[in-house]
Protein backbone atom coordinates (compact mmCIF):
# COMPACT_ATOMS: atom_id res chain seq x y z
CA MET A 1 107.26 90.43 75.42
CA ALA A 2 103.78 91.67 76.29
CA ASN A 3 101.46 89.77 78.58
CA PHE A 4 97.69 89.70 78.92
CA ILE A 5 95.32 88.34 81.56
CA LEU A 6 92.12 86.31 81.46
CA GLN A 7 90.03 85.70 84.58
CA PHE A 8 87.91 82.58 85.14
CA GLN A 9 85.69 81.65 88.05
CA LEU A 10 86.57 78.53 90.04
CA ARG A 11 83.97 75.80 90.67
CA THR A 12 84.62 75.57 94.40
CA GLU A 13 82.97 73.40 97.02
CA LYS A 14 82.71 74.46 100.67
CA TRP A 15 85.70 72.35 101.83
CA GLN A 16 87.83 73.82 99.01
CA GLU A 17 86.84 77.37 99.99
CA ASP A 18 87.88 76.65 103.59
CA ILE A 19 91.32 75.52 102.41
CA LEU A 20 91.69 78.58 100.15
CA ASP A 21 90.70 80.92 103.01
CA LYS A 22 93.24 79.21 105.27
CA ARG A 23 95.98 79.71 102.66
CA PHE A 24 95.05 83.37 102.13
CA GLU A 25 95.39 83.88 105.89
CA ILE A 26 98.78 82.10 105.92
CA GLY A 27 99.85 84.33 103.03
CA ARG A 28 98.82 87.38 105.07
CA ASN A 29 100.91 86.19 108.03
CA ILE A 30 103.93 85.66 105.76
CA TYR A 31 103.45 89.15 104.27
CA ASN A 32 103.30 90.74 107.73
CA ALA A 33 106.33 88.75 108.91
CA ILE A 34 108.40 90.11 105.99
CA VAL A 35 107.18 93.64 106.73
CA ASN A 36 108.18 93.19 110.36
CA ILE A 37 111.71 92.01 109.48
CA THR A 38 112.31 94.68 106.83
CA GLN A 39 110.86 97.54 108.91
CA LYS A 40 113.50 96.90 111.59
CA ARG A 41 116.22 97.21 108.95
CA TYR A 42 114.53 100.28 107.46
CA ARG A 43 114.35 102.10 110.81
CA GLU A 44 118.04 101.39 111.47
CA MET A 45 118.98 102.58 107.98
CA ILE A 46 117.14 105.94 108.15
CA LYS A 47 118.73 106.64 111.56
CA THR A 48 122.22 106.82 110.06
CA LYS A 49 123.66 110.29 109.58
CA LYS A 50 124.99 109.51 106.10
CA TYR A 51 121.62 108.36 104.77
CA ARG A 52 119.75 111.36 106.21
CA SER A 53 122.30 113.85 104.87
CA LEU A 54 122.06 112.31 101.38
CA ILE A 55 118.26 112.51 101.40
CA ASP A 56 118.41 116.14 102.58
CA SER A 57 120.91 117.03 99.82
CA LEU A 58 118.48 116.06 97.00
CA THR A 59 117.56 119.14 94.94
CA GLY A 60 114.87 117.76 92.61
CA ASN A 61 117.10 118.24 89.55
CA LYS A 62 117.50 114.80 87.91
CA LYS A 63 120.94 115.51 86.43
CA ASN A 64 122.43 116.97 89.62
CA ASP A 65 120.83 114.33 91.85
CA LYS A 66 122.09 111.34 89.83
CA PRO A 67 125.31 110.75 91.86
CA ILE A 68 123.39 111.28 95.12
CA TRP A 69 120.82 108.66 94.14
CA LYS A 70 123.64 106.22 93.35
CA GLU A 71 124.98 106.65 96.90
CA ILE A 72 121.48 106.26 98.37
CA ASP A 73 120.87 103.07 96.35
CA LYS A 74 124.24 101.73 97.46
CA ILE A 75 123.27 102.20 101.14
CA ARG A 76 119.93 100.50 100.49
CA GLN A 77 121.68 97.55 98.87
CA GLU A 78 124.05 97.28 101.85
CA ASN A 79 121.01 97.17 104.14
CA ARG A 80 119.52 94.35 102.01
CA PHE A 81 116.75 96.38 100.37
CA SER A 82 116.30 94.56 97.09
CA GLU A 83 113.83 92.04 95.75
CA TYR A 84 116.35 89.19 95.96
CA SER A 85 117.17 90.04 99.57
CA PHE A 86 113.46 89.80 100.35
CA TYR A 87 113.46 86.33 98.74
CA SER A 88 116.12 85.32 101.29
CA ASP A 89 113.98 86.74 104.11
CA VAL A 90 110.89 84.79 103.05
CA LYS A 91 112.78 81.51 102.66
CA SER A 92 113.18 80.98 106.41
CA ILE A 93 109.51 81.93 107.02
CA GLN A 94 108.01 79.77 104.27
CA LYS A 95 109.48 76.48 105.54
CA HIS A 96 107.04 76.60 108.49
CA PHE A 97 104.09 76.66 106.06
CA LYS A 98 105.43 74.52 103.22
CA SER A 99 102.43 72.15 103.31
CA ASN A 100 100.19 75.09 102.30
CA ILE A 101 102.42 77.71 100.62
CA ASN A 102 104.94 76.72 97.98
CA SER A 103 108.31 78.53 97.74
CA LYS A 104 107.29 80.13 94.41
CA ILE A 105 104.12 81.57 96.00
CA ALA A 106 106.14 82.78 99.01
CA ARG A 107 108.49 84.58 96.64
CA GLY A 108 105.44 86.16 95.00
CA ILE A 109 104.40 87.50 98.43
CA ALA A 110 107.94 88.83 98.97
CA SER A 111 107.76 90.58 95.58
CA SER A 112 104.55 92.36 96.61
CA VAL A 113 106.29 93.65 99.78
CA TRP A 114 109.23 94.80 97.67
CA ARG A 115 106.85 96.70 95.33
CA ALA A 116 105.53 98.56 98.38
CA TYR A 117 109.10 99.57 99.33
CA ASP A 118 109.91 100.50 95.73
CA LYS A 119 106.90 102.83 95.76
CA LEU A 120 108.10 104.26 99.08
CA PHE A 121 111.61 104.87 97.72
CA HIS A 122 110.88 106.06 94.18
CA GLY A 123 107.15 106.81 93.98
CA ASN A 124 104.59 108.60 96.11
CA GLY A 125 104.34 106.03 98.93
CA LYS A 126 104.53 107.32 102.50
CA THR A 127 104.75 104.23 104.68
CA ILE A 128 104.59 100.41 104.60
CA HIS A 129 101.37 98.97 105.97
CA TYR A 130 100.64 95.60 107.55
CA LYS A 131 97.76 93.58 106.12
CA ARG A 132 94.77 93.34 108.45
CA TYR A 133 92.66 90.21 108.75
CA GLY A 134 90.91 89.49 105.44
CA GLU A 135 92.90 92.12 103.50
CA LEU A 136 95.11 89.78 101.50
CA ASN A 137 92.93 88.43 98.69
CA SER A 138 95.49 87.39 96.09
CA LEU A 139 98.14 84.67 95.87
CA GLU A 140 100.29 84.18 92.81
CA SER A 141 103.01 81.83 91.70
CA GLN A 142 106.03 82.83 89.63
CA SER A 143 105.63 80.14 86.99
CA ASN A 144 103.05 77.66 85.73
CA SER A 145 105.20 74.70 86.73
CA GLN A 146 105.13 75.09 90.53
CA GLY A 147 102.83 76.51 93.17
CA ILE A 148 99.63 77.38 91.28
CA ILE A 149 99.34 75.43 88.03
CA PHE A 150 96.67 75.63 85.33
CA ARG A 151 96.32 72.40 83.39
CA ASN A 152 93.44 70.73 81.51
CA ASN A 153 90.86 73.31 82.67
CA THR A 154 91.86 72.67 86.30
CA VAL A 155 93.86 74.65 88.85
CA ILE A 156 96.34 72.61 90.89
CA PHE A 157 97.23 74.36 94.15
CA GLY A 158 99.68 72.10 95.99
CA LYS A 159 98.41 69.18 98.05
CA VAL A 160 95.96 68.47 100.86
CA GLY A 161 97.56 65.71 102.84
CA LYS A 162 98.89 63.28 100.24
CA LYS A 163 96.29 64.16 97.60
CA VAL A 164 96.70 66.82 94.91
CA PHE A 165 94.46 69.85 95.61
CA GLU A 166 92.56 70.40 92.34
CA ILE A 167 89.80 72.93 91.57
CA PRO A 168 87.87 72.85 88.25
CA VAL A 169 87.62 76.10 86.26
CA LYS A 170 84.53 77.52 84.53
CA ILE A 171 85.51 78.10 80.91
CA SER A 172 83.00 79.06 78.21
CA ASN A 173 83.19 78.00 74.58
CA ASN A 174 83.51 81.50 73.11
CA THR A 175 86.13 81.87 70.40
CA TYR A 176 88.21 84.55 72.17
CA GLU A 177 88.82 82.47 75.32
CA GLN A 178 89.57 79.32 73.34
CA GLN A 179 92.13 81.20 71.20
CA ALA A 180 93.70 82.80 74.29
CA LEU A 181 94.15 79.41 75.94
CA GLN A 182 96.44 78.38 73.06
CA ASN A 183 99.07 80.93 74.22
CA PRO A 184 101.89 79.90 76.57
CA ILE A 185 101.16 80.63 80.25
CA ALA A 186 103.55 82.79 82.27
CA TYR A 187 101.99 82.21 85.70
CA CYS A 188 98.66 82.05 87.57
CA ARG A 189 97.06 84.01 90.36
CA ILE A 190 94.16 82.99 92.63
CA ILE A 191 92.00 85.83 93.92
CA ARG A 192 88.84 86.09 96.00
CA LYS A 193 86.16 88.76 95.76
CA TYR A 194 83.40 89.60 98.19
CA VAL A 195 80.28 89.34 96.00
CA ARG A 196 76.77 89.65 97.46
CA LYS A 197 77.73 88.79 101.06
CA LYS A 198 79.99 85.84 100.22
CA TYR A 199 83.42 85.20 98.75
CA LYS A 200 83.80 83.99 95.17
CA TYR A 201 87.09 82.58 93.92
CA TYR A 202 88.78 83.18 90.57
CA VAL A 203 91.95 82.26 88.73
CA GLN A 204 93.74 84.93 86.72
CA ILE A 205 95.92 83.37 84.02
CA VAL A 206 98.76 85.56 82.76
CA PHE A 207 99.50 84.59 79.15
CA LYS A 208 102.64 85.44 77.19
CA GLY A 209 102.25 87.51 74.02
CA ASN A 210 99.42 89.71 72.73
CA PRO A 211 95.75 88.87 73.22
CA PRO A 212 93.87 87.40 70.23
CA VAL A 213 91.94 89.82 68.05
CA LYS A 214 88.21 89.85 68.86
CA ILE A 215 86.05 89.12 65.82
CA ASP A 216 82.36 89.99 65.50
CA GLU A 217 80.72 86.65 64.70
CA LYS A 218 77.89 88.28 62.73
CA THR A 219 79.98 90.51 60.45
CA GLY A 220 83.33 88.71 60.59
CA MET A 221 85.01 92.10 61.19
CA THR A 222 87.51 93.00 63.91
CA LYS A 223 85.62 94.33 66.96
CA HIS A 224 88.06 97.00 68.11
CA PRO A 225 90.38 97.92 65.23
CA ILE A 226 93.01 100.62 65.68
CA GLY A 227 92.43 103.73 63.59
CA LYS A 228 94.87 105.92 61.68
CA GLY A 229 95.69 109.56 62.29
CA ASP A 230 96.21 112.02 65.12
CA VAL A 231 94.14 112.06 68.31
CA GLY A 232 94.34 114.65 71.08
CA LEU A 233 93.23 114.01 74.65
CA ASP A 234 92.61 116.74 77.22
CA ILE A 235 92.06 114.76 80.40
CA GLY A 236 90.96 116.26 83.71
CA THR A 237 89.97 114.96 87.11
CA SER A 238 86.39 114.13 86.02
CA THR A 239 86.18 114.62 82.25
CA ILE A 240 88.03 113.89 79.05
CA ALA A 241 87.88 115.80 75.78
CA VAL A 242 88.82 113.84 72.65
CA ALA A 243 89.61 115.40 69.27
CA SER A 244 90.43 113.56 66.06
CA GLN A 245 89.95 114.22 62.35
CA THR A 246 86.68 112.27 62.38
CA ASP A 247 85.15 112.96 65.78
CA VAL A 248 85.16 115.38 68.73
CA LYS A 249 83.77 114.43 72.13
CA ILE A 250 83.73 115.61 75.74
CA LEU A 251 82.71 112.94 78.24
CA GLU A 252 82.39 112.43 81.95
CA LEU A 253 84.78 109.70 83.11
CA ALA A 254 83.10 106.61 84.57
CA ASP A 255 79.74 108.39 84.87
CA LYS A 256 77.96 105.27 86.19
CA VAL A 257 80.15 105.25 89.31
CA GLN A 258 78.45 108.36 90.70
CA ARG A 259 75.17 106.54 91.46
CA LEU A 260 77.12 104.06 93.57
CA GLU A 261 78.96 106.95 95.23
CA ASN A 262 75.60 108.39 96.32
CA GLU A 263 74.62 104.99 97.78
CA LYS A 264 77.96 104.84 99.60
CA ARG A 265 77.47 108.29 101.12
CA ILE A 266 74.02 107.35 102.53
CA LEU A 267 75.41 104.06 103.88
CA LEU A 268 78.35 105.79 105.60
CA ARG A 269 75.90 108.08 107.38
CA LYS A 270 73.98 105.04 108.66
CA MET A 271 77.23 103.49 109.86
CA ASP A 272 78.21 106.67 111.69
CA ARG A 273 74.84 106.88 113.46
CA SER A 274 75.06 103.22 114.46
CA ARG A 275 78.60 103.60 115.79
CA ARG A 276 77.70 106.70 117.83
CA ALA A 277 74.66 104.94 119.34
CA MET A 278 76.77 101.93 120.37
CA ASN A 279 79.79 103.88 121.66
CA PRO A 280 78.63 107.10 123.37
CA GLU A 281 81.60 106.89 125.80
CA ASN A 282 84.05 107.42 122.89
CA TYR A 283 82.63 110.85 121.93
CA ASN A 284 82.93 114.32 123.41
CA PRO A 285 79.76 116.42 124.00
CA ASP A 286 80.48 118.33 120.75
CA GLY A 287 80.45 115.05 118.76
CA THR A 288 84.21 114.70 118.21
CA ILE A 289 86.01 111.47 119.07
CA LYS A 290 87.76 111.47 122.46
CA LYS A 291 91.56 111.32 122.39
CA GLN A 292 92.75 108.20 124.21
CA GLY A 293 96.48 108.92 124.17
CA ASN A 294 98.46 105.73 123.58
CA GLN A 295 95.46 103.53 124.43
CA LYS A 296 93.61 101.86 121.59
CA VAL A 297 90.02 103.04 121.12
CA ILE A 298 87.63 100.09 121.52
CA TRP A 299 84.56 100.18 119.29
CA LYS A 300 81.49 98.02 119.83
CA LYS A 301 79.82 97.00 116.58
CA SER A 302 76.13 96.11 116.39
CA ASN A 303 74.77 93.47 114.02
CA HIS A 304 73.34 96.31 111.93
CA TYR A 305 76.82 97.87 111.70
CA LEU A 306 78.40 94.59 110.59
CA ASN A 307 75.71 94.25 107.92
CA TYR A 308 76.43 97.80 106.74
CA GLN A 309 80.14 96.95 106.51
CA ASN A 310 79.34 94.05 104.18
CA GLN A 311 77.12 96.32 102.08
CA LEU A 312 79.98 98.83 101.85
CA LYS A 313 82.36 96.10 100.64
CA GLU A 314 79.85 95.24 97.91
CA ILE A 315 79.59 98.89 96.80
CA TYR A 316 83.39 99.23 96.58
CA ARG A 317 83.56 96.05 94.48
CA LYS A 318 80.82 97.27 92.13
CA GLN A 319 82.52 100.65 91.77
CA ALA A 320 85.83 99.03 90.83
CA ASP A 321 84.19 96.70 88.28
CA VAL A 322 82.04 99.44 86.69
CA ARG A 323 84.97 101.86 86.53
CA LYS A 324 87.24 99.27 84.91
CA TYR A 325 84.58 98.23 82.38
CA GLN A 326 83.78 101.82 81.35
CA HIS A 327 87.48 102.70 81.00
CA GLU A 328 88.09 99.62 78.83
CA CYS A 329 85.17 100.59 76.54
CA LEU A 330 86.30 104.22 76.31
CA ALA A 331 89.90 103.18 75.58
CA ASN A 332 88.69 100.99 72.70
CA ALA A 333 86.70 103.91 71.28
CA ILE A 334 89.68 106.29 71.53
CA ILE A 335 92.10 103.85 69.88
CA SER A 336 89.66 103.33 67.00
CA LEU A 337 90.03 107.05 66.14
CA GLY A 338 93.77 107.00 65.44
CA ASP A 339 97.18 105.46 66.10
CA LYS A 340 99.01 108.64 67.19
CA ILE A 341 97.43 109.56 70.52
CA TYR A 342 98.73 112.64 72.32
CA VAL A 343 97.98 113.67 75.91
CA GLU A 344 99.35 116.27 78.31
CA LYS A 345 101.66 114.85 80.97
CA MET A 346 99.66 114.98 84.22
CA ASN A 347 100.68 114.69 87.86
CA PHE A 348 97.50 113.20 89.33
CA ALA A 349 99.23 112.35 92.62
CA GLY A 350 99.98 116.06 93.11
CA LEU A 351 96.33 116.95 92.48
CA GLN A 352 95.23 114.58 95.25
CA LYS A 353 97.19 116.41 97.95
CA ARG A 354 95.50 118.93 100.19
CA ALA A 355 96.59 122.56 99.85
CA LYS A 356 99.24 123.52 102.41
CA LYS A 357 98.46 127.24 102.66
CA THR A 358 95.50 128.55 104.61
CA GLU A 359 93.86 131.24 102.48
CA LYS A 360 90.74 133.39 102.52
CA ASN A 361 88.49 134.34 99.63
CA THR A 362 87.29 137.88 98.79
CA LYS A 363 84.45 137.57 101.33
CA GLY A 364 86.86 136.76 104.15
CA LYS A 365 85.89 133.09 104.41
CA PHE A 366 88.54 130.38 104.59
CA LYS A 367 89.12 128.49 101.34
CA ARG A 368 88.76 124.72 101.41
CA LYS A 369 92.07 122.88 101.50
CA LYS A 370 90.56 119.83 99.83
CA ARG A 371 91.44 119.45 96.18
CA PHE A 372 90.55 116.59 93.81
CA GLY A 373 91.14 113.49 95.96
CA LYS A 374 87.59 112.14 95.86
CA SER A 375 86.98 112.76 92.14
CA LEU A 376 90.34 111.20 91.23
CA ALA A 377 89.53 108.15 93.35
CA ASN A 378 86.10 107.75 91.71
CA LYS A 379 87.01 108.61 88.12
CA ALA A 380 90.58 107.19 88.03
CA PRO A 381 91.87 109.16 84.98
CA ALA A 382 95.37 107.68 85.44
CA MET A 383 93.89 104.18 85.09
CA LEU A 384 92.30 105.14 81.76
CA LEU A 385 95.64 106.36 80.42
CA GLU A 386 97.32 103.12 81.55
CA ILE A 387 94.66 101.07 79.73
CA ILE A 388 95.15 103.14 76.54
CA ARG A 389 98.92 102.70 76.88
CA ARG A 390 98.53 98.92 77.28
CA LYS A 391 96.18 98.58 74.30
CA LEU A 392 98.46 100.66 72.06
CA GLY A 393 101.36 98.42 73.10
CA TYR A 394 99.63 95.46 71.45
CA TYR A 395 100.06 97.28 68.11
CA GLY A 396 103.62 98.45 68.80
CA LYS A 397 102.46 102.03 69.47
CA GLU A 398 102.92 104.34 72.46
CA LEU A 399 100.81 106.96 74.21
CA ILE A 400 102.67 110.21 73.46
CA GLU A 401 102.90 112.68 76.36
CA ILE A 402 103.42 116.34 75.45
CA ASN A 403 105.17 118.88 77.65
CA THR A 404 102.32 120.47 79.64
CA PHE A 405 104.21 123.54 80.85
CA GLU A 406 105.85 124.35 77.51
CA ALA A 407 102.82 123.71 75.27
CA ARG A 408 100.15 125.33 77.52
CA ALA A 409 97.26 124.10 75.36
CA SER A 410 94.60 125.66 77.61
CA GLN A 411 96.10 129.16 77.05
CA PHE A 412 97.05 129.09 73.34
CA ASN A 413 95.13 130.59 70.41
CA HIS A 414 96.34 129.24 67.06
CA VAL A 415 94.81 132.14 65.04
CA ASP A 416 96.87 134.96 66.56
CA GLY A 417 99.59 132.77 68.16
CA THR A 418 99.11 134.29 71.62
CA TYR A 419 98.90 132.76 75.11
CA LYS A 420 96.25 134.02 77.51
CA LYS A 421 95.71 132.72 81.05
CA LYS A 422 92.15 131.77 81.90
CA LYS A 423 90.41 131.17 85.19
CA LEU A 424 89.40 127.58 85.89
CA SER A 425 85.76 128.70 85.88
CA GLN A 426 86.11 130.05 82.30
CA ARG A 427 84.97 127.04 80.27
CA TRP A 428 84.55 128.78 76.88
CA THR A 429 87.02 130.74 74.78
CA THR A 430 86.86 132.83 71.60
CA VAL A 431 88.82 131.57 68.56
CA ASP A 432 88.61 133.31 65.19
CA GLY A 433 85.50 135.18 66.34
CA THR A 434 83.59 132.03 67.40
CA GLN A 435 82.95 130.52 70.83
CA VAL A 436 84.44 127.06 71.46
CA GLN A 437 84.40 124.85 74.55
CA ARG A 438 87.77 125.20 76.23
CA ASP A 439 88.59 121.49 76.82
CA MET A 440 87.57 120.39 73.32
CA TYR A 441 89.70 123.16 71.83
CA SER A 442 92.65 122.10 74.02
CA ALA A 443 92.25 118.53 72.74
CA PHE A 444 92.25 119.91 69.17
CA LEU A 445 95.52 121.77 69.81
CA ILE A 446 97.10 118.72 71.46
CA MET A 447 96.17 116.70 68.36
CA ASN A 448 98.18 119.17 66.25
CA VAL A 449 101.34 119.30 68.36
CA ASN A 450 104.75 119.45 66.65
CA SER A 451 107.30 116.63 66.89
CA ASP A 452 109.13 118.55 69.66
CA LEU A 453 105.98 118.03 71.83
CA LYS A 454 106.29 121.66 73.02
CA THR A 455 104.78 123.76 70.23
CA PHE A 456 101.82 123.47 67.89
CA ASP A 457 101.78 123.03 64.11
CA ILE A 458 99.95 126.21 63.03
CA GLU A 459 99.47 125.01 59.43
CA LYS A 460 97.74 121.83 60.65
CA CYS A 461 95.59 123.87 63.04
CA HIS A 462 94.39 126.16 60.24
CA ALA A 463 93.79 123.26 57.84
CA ARG A 464 91.81 121.23 60.38
CA PHE A 465 89.97 123.95 62.32
CA GLU A 466 86.90 124.13 60.05
CA ASP A 467 86.24 120.38 60.39
CA PHE A 468 86.91 120.58 64.14
CA LYS A 469 84.38 123.42 64.52
CA MET A 470 81.71 121.40 62.70
CA LEU A 471 82.33 118.32 64.90
CA HIS A 472 82.53 120.56 67.99
CA ASP A 473 79.12 122.10 67.24
CA ARG A 474 77.63 118.64 66.69
CA GLU A 475 78.89 117.54 70.11
CA VAL A 476 77.49 120.70 71.75
CA MET A 477 74.10 119.92 70.16
CA ARG A 478 74.27 116.35 71.49
CA LEU A 479 74.92 117.54 75.03
CA SER A 480 72.43 120.45 74.97
CA GLY A 481 69.35 119.83 77.07
CA HIS A 482 71.11 117.13 79.13
CA LYS A 483 72.37 117.50 82.68
CA ASN A 484 76.17 117.82 82.49
CA LEU A 485 79.01 118.50 84.89
CA SER A 486 79.77 122.15 85.63
CA SER A 487 83.26 121.62 84.16
CA ILE A 488 81.67 120.70 80.79
CA ALA A 489 79.45 123.82 80.97
CA ILE A 490 77.01 122.80 78.24
């Protein structure tokens, strides 16, 4: 069953905020205690010859590696690396804090540690980190019957002394929220956000089922209906090209984030100047930081620096909120174009990594090893695809990923059926004697992929190309005269 989340602000008083902050700090200590216990087990496990030999024997072939992974998982189970084992670990820790942290909340903390290990084992995680002071800003229960309870527009979060600790919730009278509140509640989560130099507190209610349909009160029509037909997406690190039978677009992802990125860059320079002025003994004459060996570098922070840190927190929060809002809006627009949405399978984590080889260009200068880490962090294309996937799930649909290496949409020409490699700087291509923007044409081809998700339906391409070219030219006209990214090249 699908779930959806609604967030409401809490009407907190100062004494309630103090209690919440205390419980967040206790939650952080519990988190770090579990990490400490499990890291000891982890270090002992990876020392064993059997475990290391199994890891070294992995080839990258899923079929051949299947029995090896079974052996690795067996060793992990024996060393108590599972979510339920972590529940046992947290049980002995939680009893010391039971007046503030309920067992269900403690298990929620244990689950978050397990997710970090799961990412380390099966994802792209590299290490398990401890939470520094003020870094844990979320506590969740595992049900709405214990721990954190939402009832009668109030959050109940255990007791303070012998009295029930209750916090009223700000709930508006809009139709969508009132309809959502009729759904059964799975569990609740309390979070805090640093907003304009102070913390604000919210409850996130996780409801069971699909969210209610939003209705425009003026027209009585559905606000974000799902369309019908094929849609192709050519998504990059900073842009997305969208092609459907009714519209063609190429857009910069989360374009409003860049202004905040410029503010962040200026602020980081101020912070660096302040830190250098306060800690000249920590720098070499050439401006690099002195190596202290095993000793911890001590940094003195001025009041200006502390103020800059708070400003930086605010910028990061704004960036996250703006990015999420723009992705939600774009996902709604894409889903309205069709119900069969195709996209190339992308490895964004691989694009974030620095190049390993040191190379020189034709002029003899060293090439930069940096790749797309900053743009991926700012634009978050993977987040957009996850939002589209979630929204399609409400209608029983899926985001369809085509085989990138077999299809090669950026190289194919449907008129002569040939593949031709292009440089990344080549943003336009010739199709049937006319110039088309490369990414929009790739999205058009992706829209017309065959059911094998490896080849393109040539008949569909021919039948739809004339309409695509008309919509393509209209989009080029819209973008002409405006400042665009170099990757759009219009």
